[in-house]
Amino acid sequence: FQTSVAGLGGCPYAKGATGNVATEDVVYMLQGMGIDTGIDLDKLIDAGVFISDFLGRKPNSRAATALLNKRAG
């Protein structure tokens, strides 16, 4: 599967083009299906937030958004 952390990416020549599906979303789906990925989803989400903040871009992961909102209470 080809994914990208926080769904970041896209084509510089196609305005508004998105990147690959967010890695966080795929890991969340696979774990929900009972498939052990060996990936710590919380740490993956933290990495996506760090990268997004560094690049000044909004993360594009539905799973990360939901889980971050849950963390915030």
PDB file of N, CA and C in Angstrom:
ATOM      1  N   PHE A   1       0.833  -1.169   0.000  1.00  0.00           N
ATOM      2  CA  PHE A   1       0.000   0.000   0.000  1.00  0.00           C
ATOM      3  C   PHE A   1       0.882   1.238   0.000  1.00  0.00           C
ATOM      4  N   GLN A   2       0.529   2.197  -0.809  1.00  0.00           N
ATOM      5  CA  GLN A   2       1.280   3.449  -0.842  1.00  0.00           C
ATOM      6  C   GLN A   2       0.475   4.506  -0.101  1.00  0.00           C
ATOM      7  N   THR A   3       1.069   5.050   0.943  1.00  0.00           N
ATOM      8  CA  THR A   3       0.409   6.053   1.770  1.00  0.00           C
ATOM      9  C   THR A   3       1.390   7.181   2.056  1.00  0.00           C
ATOM     10  N   SER A   4       0.893   8.231   2.696  1.00  0.00           N
ATOM     11  CA  SER A   4       1.786   9.311   3.113  1.00  0.00           C
ATOM     12  C   SER A   4       1.354   9.812   4.483  1.00  0.00           C
ATOM     13  N   VAL A   5       2.338  10.084   5.329  1.00  0.00           N
ATOM     14  CA  VAL A   5       2.052  10.551   6.686  1.00  0.00           C
ATOM     15  C   VAL A   5       1.239  11.837   6.610  1.00  0.00           C
ATOM     16  N   ALA A   6       0.147  11.870   7.357  1.00  0.00           N
ATOM     17  CA  ALA A   6      -0.767  13.018   7.432  1.00  0.00           C
ATOM     18  C   ALA A   6      -1.426  13.328   6.096  1.00  0.00           C
ATOM     19  N   GLY A   7      -1.298  12.421   5.119  1.00  0.00           N
ATOM     20  CA  GLY A   7      -1.891  12.646   3.810  1.00  0.00           C
ATOM     21  C   GLY A   7      -1.223  13.763   3.039  1.00  0.00           C
ATOM     22  N   LEU A   8      -0.003  14.126   3.448  1.00  0.00           N
ATOM     23  CA  LEU A   8       0.710  15.226   2.802  1.00  0.00           C
ATOM     24  C   LEU A   8       1.277  14.773   1.467  1.00  0.00           C
ATOM     25  N   GLY A   9       1.340  15.669   0.558  1.00  0.00           N
ATOM     26  CA  GLY A   9       1.885  15.359  -0.754  1.00  0.00           C
ATOM     27  C   GLY A   9       1.073  16.038  -1.824  1.00  0.00           C
ATOM     28  N   GLY A  10       1.069  15.472  -2.988  1.00  0.00           N
ATOM     29  CA  GLY A  10       0.339  16.051  -4.103  1.00  0.00           C
ATOM     30  C   GLY A  10       1.291  16.441  -5.208  1.00  0.00           C
ATOM     31  N   CYS A  11       0.728  16.953  -6.247  1.00  0.00           N
ATOM     32  CA  CYS A  11       1.504  17.335  -7.421  1.00  0.00           C
ATOM     33  C   CYS A  11       1.668  18.851  -7.453  1.00  0.00           C
ATOM     34  N   PRO A  12       2.895  19.339  -7.569  1.00  0.00           N
ATOM     35  CA  PRO A  12       3.090  20.793  -7.576  1.00  0.00           C
ATOM     36  C   PRO A  12       2.498  21.464  -8.818  1.00  0.00           C
ATOM     37  N   TYR A  13       2.186  20.685  -9.847  1.00  0.00           N
ATOM     38  CA  TYR A  13       1.664  21.240 -11.093  1.00  0.00           C
ATOM     39  C   TYR A  13       0.146  21.182 -11.181  1.00  0.00           C
ATOM     40  N   ALA A  14      -0.491  20.463 -10.259  1.00  0.00           N
ATOM     41  CA  ALA A  14      -1.951  20.342 -10.258  1.00  0.00           C
ATOM     42  C   ALA A  14      -2.485  21.007  -8.999  1.00  0.00           C
ATOM     43  N   LYS A  15      -2.975  22.220  -9.155  1.00  0.00           N
ATOM     44  CA  LYS A  15      -3.444  22.993  -8.003  1.00  0.00           C
ATOM     45  C   LYS A  15      -4.527  22.223  -7.248  1.00  0.00           C
ATOM     46  N   GLY A  16      -4.331  22.109  -5.925  1.00  0.00           N
ATOM     47  CA  GLY A  16      -5.315  21.440  -5.082  1.00  0.00           C
ATOM     48  C   GLY A  16      -5.219  19.927  -5.072  1.00  0.00           C
ATOM     49  N   ALA A  17      -4.261  19.365  -5.806  1.00  0.00           N
ATOM     50  CA  ALA A  17      -4.117  17.909  -5.827  1.00  0.00           C
ATOM     51  C   ALA A  17      -3.679  17.417  -4.462  1.00  0.00           C
ATOM     52  N   THR A  18      -4.318  16.378  -4.004  1.00  0.00           N
ATOM     53  CA  THR A  18      -3.961  15.819  -2.707  1.00  0.00           C
ATOM     54  C   THR A  18      -2.914  14.734  -2.883  1.00  0.00           C
ATOM     55  N   GLY A  19      -2.318  14.351  -1.784  1.00  0.00           N
ATOM     56  CA  GLY A  19      -1.330  13.284  -1.807  1.00  0.00           C
ATOM     57  C   GLY A  19      -2.002  11.928  -1.728  1.00  0.00           C
ATOM     58  N   ASN A  20      -1.241  10.945  -1.347  1.00  0.00           N
ATOM     59  CA  ASN A  20      -1.784   9.610  -1.149  1.00  0.00           C
ATOM     60  C   ASN A  20      -2.695   9.598   0.068  1.00  0.00           C
ATOM     61  N   VAL A  21      -3.394   8.497   0.243  1.00  0.00           N
ATOM     62  CA  VAL A  21      -4.214   8.335   1.441  1.00  0.00           C
ATOM     63  C   VAL A  21      -3.298   8.421   2.663  1.00  0.00           C
ATOM     64  N   ALA A  22      -3.818   8.982   3.734  1.00  0.00           N
ATOM     65  CA  ALA A  22      -3.019   9.159   4.948  1.00  0.00           C
ATOM     66  C   ALA A  22      -2.656   7.804   5.556  1.00  0.00           C
ATOM     67  N   THR A  23      -1.397   7.659   5.915  1.00  0.00           N
ATOM     68  CA  THR A  23      -0.928   6.430   6.557  1.00  0.00           C
ATOM     69  C   THR A  23      -1.731   6.143   7.815  1.00  0.00           C
ATOM     70  N   GLU A  24      -2.046   7.196   8.573  1.00  0.00           N
ATOM     71  CA  GLU A  24      -2.808   7.036   9.813  1.00  0.00           C
ATOM     72  C   GLU A  24      -4.167   6.386   9.540  1.00  0.00           C
ATOM     73  N   ASP A  25      -4.806   6.769   8.431  1.00  0.00           N
ATOM     74  CA  ASP A  25      -6.124   6.220   8.104  1.00  0.00           C
ATOM     75  C   ASP A  25      -6.036   4.739   7.749  1.00  0.00           C
ATOM     76  N   VAL A  26      -4.994   4.370   7.007  1.00  0.00           N
ATOM     77  CA  VAL A  26      -4.825   2.967   6.622  1.00  0.00           C
ATOM     78  C   VAL A  26      -4.495   2.112   7.843  1.00  0.00           C
ATOM     79  N   VAL A  27      -3.604   2.595   8.706  1.00  0.00           N
ATOM     80  CA  VAL A  27      -3.254   1.846   9.919  1.00  0.00           C
ATOM     81  C   VAL A  27      -4.483   1.691  10.813  1.00  0.00           C
ATOM     82  N   TYR A  28      -5.261   2.757  10.968  1.00  0.00           N
ATOM     83  CA  TYR A  28      -6.492   2.708  11.777  1.00  0.00           C
ATOM     84  C   TYR A  28      -7.456   1.659  11.212  1.00  0.00           C
ATOM     85  N   MET A  29      -7.631   1.654   9.893  1.00  0.00           N
ATOM     86  CA  MET A  29      -8.520   0.685   9.252  1.00  0.00           C
ATOM     87  C   MET A  29      -8.029  -0.747   9.464  1.00  0.00           C
ATOM     88  N   LEU A  30      -6.746  -0.974   9.225  1.00  0.00           N
ATOM     89  CA  LEU A  30      -6.198  -2.323   9.369  1.00  0.00           C
ATOM     90  C   LEU A  30      -6.306  -2.813  10.806  1.00  0.00           C
ATOM     91  N   GLN A  31      -5.993  -1.936  11.770  1.00  0.00           N
ATOM     92  CA  GLN A  31      -6.115  -2.330  13.175  1.00  0.00           C
ATOM     93  C   GLN A  31      -7.569  -2.610  13.528  1.00  0.00           C
ATOM     94  N   GLY A  32      -8.499  -1.839  12.958  1.00  0.00           N
ATOM     95  CA  GLY A  32      -9.921  -2.070  13.179  1.00  0.00           C
ATOM     96  C   GLY A  32     -10.390  -3.399  12.615  1.00  0.00           C
ATOM     97  N   MET A  33      -9.685  -3.895  11.598  1.00  0.00           N
ATOM     98  CA  MET A  33      -9.997  -5.193  10.999  1.00  0.00           C
ATOM     99  C   MET A  33      -9.304  -6.332  11.736  1.00  0.00           C
ATOM    100  N   GLY A  34      -8.556  -5.993  12.795  1.00  0.00           N
ATOM    101  CA  GLY A  34      -7.861  -7.011  13.569  1.00  0.00           C
ATOM    102  C   GLY A  34      -6.515  -7.405  12.991  1.00  0.00           C
ATOM    103  N   ILE A  35      -6.001  -6.623  12.062  1.00  0.00           N
ATOM    104  CA  ILE A  35      -4.708  -6.910  11.445  1.00  0.00           C
ATOM    105  C   ILE A  35      -3.623  -6.161  12.213  1.00  0.00           C
ATOM    106  N   ASP A  36      -2.662  -6.921  12.741  1.00  0.00           N
ATOM    107  CA  ASP A  36      -1.566  -6.321  13.511  1.00  0.00           C
ATOM    108  C   ASP A  36      -0.564  -5.708  12.549  1.00  0.00           C
ATOM    109  N   THR A  37      -0.416  -4.403  12.610  1.00  0.00           N
ATOM    110  CA  THR A  37       0.503  -3.705  11.715  1.00  0.00           C
ATOM    111  C   THR A  37       1.886  -3.532  12.321  1.00  0.00           C
ATOM    112  N   GLY A  38       1.974  -3.657  13.642  1.00  0.00           N
ATOM    113  CA  GLY A  38       3.237  -3.400  14.315  1.00  0.00           C
ATOM    114  C   GLY A  38       3.539  -1.912  14.424  1.00  0.00           C
ATOM    115  N   ILE A  39       2.555  -1.088  14.103  1.00  0.00           N
ATOM    116  CA  ILE A  39       2.734   0.368  14.135  1.00  0.00           C
ATOM    117  C   ILE A  39       1.971   0.939  15.317  1.00  0.00           C
ATOM    118  N   ASP A  40       2.627   1.791  16.086  1.00  0.00           N
ATOM    119  CA  ASP A  40       1.983   2.485  17.202  1.00  0.00           C
ATOM    120  C   ASP A  40       1.243   3.686  16.616  1.00  0.00           C
ATOM    121  N   LEU A  41      -0.085   3.590  16.528  1.00  0.00           N
ATOM    122  CA  LEU A  41      -0.888   4.620  15.887  1.00  0.00           C
ATOM    123  C   LEU A  41      -0.738   5.975  16.565  1.00  0.00           C
ATOM    124  N   ASP A  42      -0.668   5.999  17.879  1.00  0.00           N
ATOM    125  CA  ASP A  42      -0.513   7.272  18.589  1.00  0.00           C
ATOM    126  C   ASP A  42       0.798   7.964  18.220  1.00  0.00           C
ATOM    127  N   LYS A  43       1.881   7.192  18.130  1.00  0.00           N
ATOM    128  CA  LYS A  43       3.174   7.777  17.751  1.00  0.00           C
ATOM    129  C   LYS A  43       3.167   8.223  16.290  1.00  0.00           C
ATOM    130  N   LEU A  44       2.485   7.469  15.443  1.00  0.00           N
ATOM    131  CA  LEU A  44       2.360   7.847  14.039  1.00  0.00           C
ATOM    132  C   LEU A  44       1.610   9.172  13.904  1.00  0.00           C
ATOM    133  N   ILE A  45       0.536   9.314  14.667  1.00  0.00           N
ATOM    134  CA  ILE A  45      -0.230  10.563  14.652  1.00  0.00           C
ATOM    135  C   ILE A  45       0.634  11.726  15.138  1.00  0.00           C
ATOM    136  N   ASP A  46       1.393  11.495  16.199  1.00  0.00           N
ATOM    137  CA  ASP A  46       2.290  12.546  16.704  1.00  0.00           C
ATOM    138  C   ASP A  46       3.313  12.954  15.645  1.00  0.00           C
ATOM    139  N   ALA A  47       3.839  11.978  14.913  1.00  0.00           N
ATOM    140  CA  ALA A  47       4.800  12.281  13.845  1.00  0.00           C
ATOM    141  C   ALA A  47       4.135  13.105  12.747  1.00  0.00           C
ATOM    142  N   GLY A  48       2.904  12.755  12.403  1.00  0.00           N
ATOM    143  CA  GLY A  48       2.173  13.506  11.387  1.00  0.00           C
ATOM    144  C   GLY A  48       1.913  14.937  11.803  1.00  0.00           C
ATOM    145  N   VAL A  49       1.576  15.138  13.070  1.00  0.00           N
ATOM    146  CA  VAL A  49       1.351  16.494  13.590  1.00  0.00           C
ATOM    147  C   VAL A  49       2.656  17.293  13.530  1.00  0.00           C
ATOM    148  N   PHE A  50       3.756  16.672  13.948  1.00  0.00           N
ATOM    149  CA  PHE A  50       5.059  17.342  13.922  1.00  0.00           C
ATOM    150  C   PHE A  50       5.421  17.776  12.502  1.00  0.00           C
ATOM    151  N   ILE A  51       5.279  16.856  11.557  1.00  0.00           N
ATOM    152  CA  ILE A  51       5.638  17.154  10.167  1.00  0.00           C
ATOM    153  C   ILE A  51       4.727  18.241   9.598  1.00  0.00           C
ATOM    154  N   SER A  52       3.436  18.129   9.863  1.00  0.00           N
ATOM    155  CA  SER A  52       2.478  19.125   9.368  1.00  0.00           C
ATOM    156  C   SER A  52       2.787  20.508   9.922  1.00  0.00           C
ATOM    157  N   ASP A  53       3.057  20.567  11.222  1.00  0.00           N
ATOM    158  CA  ASP A  53       3.400  21.851  11.846  1.00  0.00           C
ATOM    159  C   ASP A  53       4.673  22.437  11.231  1.00  0.00           C
ATOM    160  N   PHE A  54       5.670  21.578  11.033  1.00  0.00           N
ATOM    161  CA  PHE A  54       6.941  22.026  10.468  1.00  0.00           C
ATOM    162  C   PHE A  54       6.751  22.604   9.068  1.00  0.00           C
ATOM    163  N   LEU A  55       5.893  21.955   8.277  1.00  0.00           N
ATOM    164  CA  LEU A  55       5.656  22.392   6.903  1.00  0.00           C
ATOM    165  C   LEU A  55       4.615  23.502   6.801  1.00  0.00           C
ATOM    166  N   GLY A  56       3.931  23.759   7.915  1.00  0.00           N
ATOM    167  CA  GLY A  56       2.877  24.764   7.889  1.00  0.00           C
ATOM    168  C   GLY A  56       1.674  24.325   7.079  1.00  0.00           C
ATOM    169  N   ARG A  57       1.434  23.015   7.058  1.00  0.00           N
ATOM    170  CA  ARG A  57       0.310  22.448   6.300  1.00  0.00           C
ATOM    171  C   ARG A  57      -0.654  21.765   7.256  1.00  0.00           C
ATOM    172  N   LYS A  58      -1.894  21.717   6.889  1.00  0.00           N
ATOM    173  CA  LYS A  58      -2.901  21.041   7.694  1.00  0.00           C
ATOM    174  C   LYS A  58      -2.833  19.540   7.410  1.00  0.00           C
ATOM    175  N   PRO A  59      -2.821  18.700   8.469  1.00  0.00           N
ATOM    176  CA  PRO A  59      -2.827  17.255   8.226  1.00  0.00           C
ATOM    177  C   PRO A  59      -4.134  16.848   7.549  1.00  0.00           C
ATOM    178  N   ASN A  60      -4.052  15.841   6.697  1.00  0.00           N
ATOM    179  CA  ASN A  60      -5.217  15.396   5.943  1.00  0.00           C
ATOM    180  C   ASN A  60      -5.530  13.943   6.292  1.00  0.00           C
ATOM    181  N   SER A  61      -5.732  13.689   7.583  1.00  0.00           N
ATOM    182  CA  SER A  61      -6.045  12.345   8.060  1.00  0.00           C
ATOM    183  C   SER A  61      -7.303  12.401   8.915  1.00  0.00           C
ATOM    184  N   ARG A  62      -8.316  11.670   8.482  1.00  0.00           N
ATOM    185  CA  ARG A  62      -9.566  11.646   9.249  1.00  0.00           C
ATOM    186  C   ARG A  62      -9.372  10.941  10.591  1.00  0.00           C
ATOM    187  N   ALA A  63      -8.626   9.851  10.586  1.00  0.00           N
ATOM    188  CA  ALA A  63      -8.394   9.120  11.834  1.00  0.00           C
ATOM    189  C   ALA A  63      -7.615   9.987  12.818  1.00  0.00           C
ATOM    190  N   ALA A  64      -6.583  10.664  12.339  1.00  0.00           N
ATOM    191  CA  ALA A  64      -5.787  11.519  13.224  1.00  0.00           C
ATOM    192  C   ALA A  64      -6.637  12.644  13.791  1.00  0.00           C
ATOM    193  N   THR A  65      -7.465  13.260  12.956  1.00  0.00           N
ATOM    194  CA  THR A  65      -8.327  14.347  13.424  1.00  0.00           C
ATOM    195  C   THR A  65      -9.251  13.857  14.529  1.00  0.00           C
ATOM    196  N   ALA A  66      -9.882  12.715  14.316  1.00  0.00           N
ATOM    197  CA  ALA A  66     -10.808  12.170  15.313  1.00  0.00           C
ATOM    198  C   ALA A  66     -10.090  11.805  16.603  1.00  0.00           C
ATOM    199  N   LEU A  67      -8.944  11.147  16.493  1.00  0.00           N
ATOM    200  CA  LEU A  67      -8.230  10.709  17.689  1.00  0.00           C
ATOM    201  C   LEU A  67      -7.602  11.883  18.434  1.00  0.00           C
ATOM    202  N   LEU A  68      -7.167  12.912  17.716  1.00  0.00           N
ATOM    203  CA  LEU A  68      -6.641  14.107  18.384  1.00  0.00           C
ATOM    204  C   LEU A  68      -7.758  14.841  19.122  1.00  0.00           C
ATOM    205  N   ASN A  69      -8.940  14.900  18.532  1.00  0.00           N
ATOM    206  CA  ASN A  69     -10.086  15.513  19.220  1.00  0.00           C
ATOM    207  C   ASN A  69     -10.460  14.725  20.468  1.00  0.00           C
ATOM    208  N   LYS A  70     -10.360  13.404  20.376  1.00  0.00           N
ATOM    209  CA  LYS A  70     -10.656  12.554  21.536  1.00  0.00           C
ATOM    210  C   LYS A  70      -9.633  12.798  22.642  1.00  0.00           C
ATOM    211  N   ARG A  71      -8.359  12.949  22.266  1.00  0.00           N
ATOM    212  CA  ARG A  71      -7.305  13.235  23.248  1.00  0.00           C
ATOM    213  C   ARG A  71      -7.584  14.546  23.974  1.00  0.00           C
ATOM    214  N   ALA A  72      -8.022  15.545  23.213  1.00  0.00           N
ATOM    215  CA  ALA A  72      -8.259  16.879  23.773  1.00  0.00           C
ATOM    216  C   ALA A  72      -9.453  16.897  24.724  1.00  0.00           C
ATOM    217  N   GLY A  73     -10.293  15.886  24.604  1.00  0.00           N
ATOM    218  CA  GLY A  73     -11.421  15.754  25.522  1.00  0.00           C
ATOM    219  C   GLY A  73     -12.580  16.513  25.071  1.00  0.00           C
TER     220      GLY A  73
END
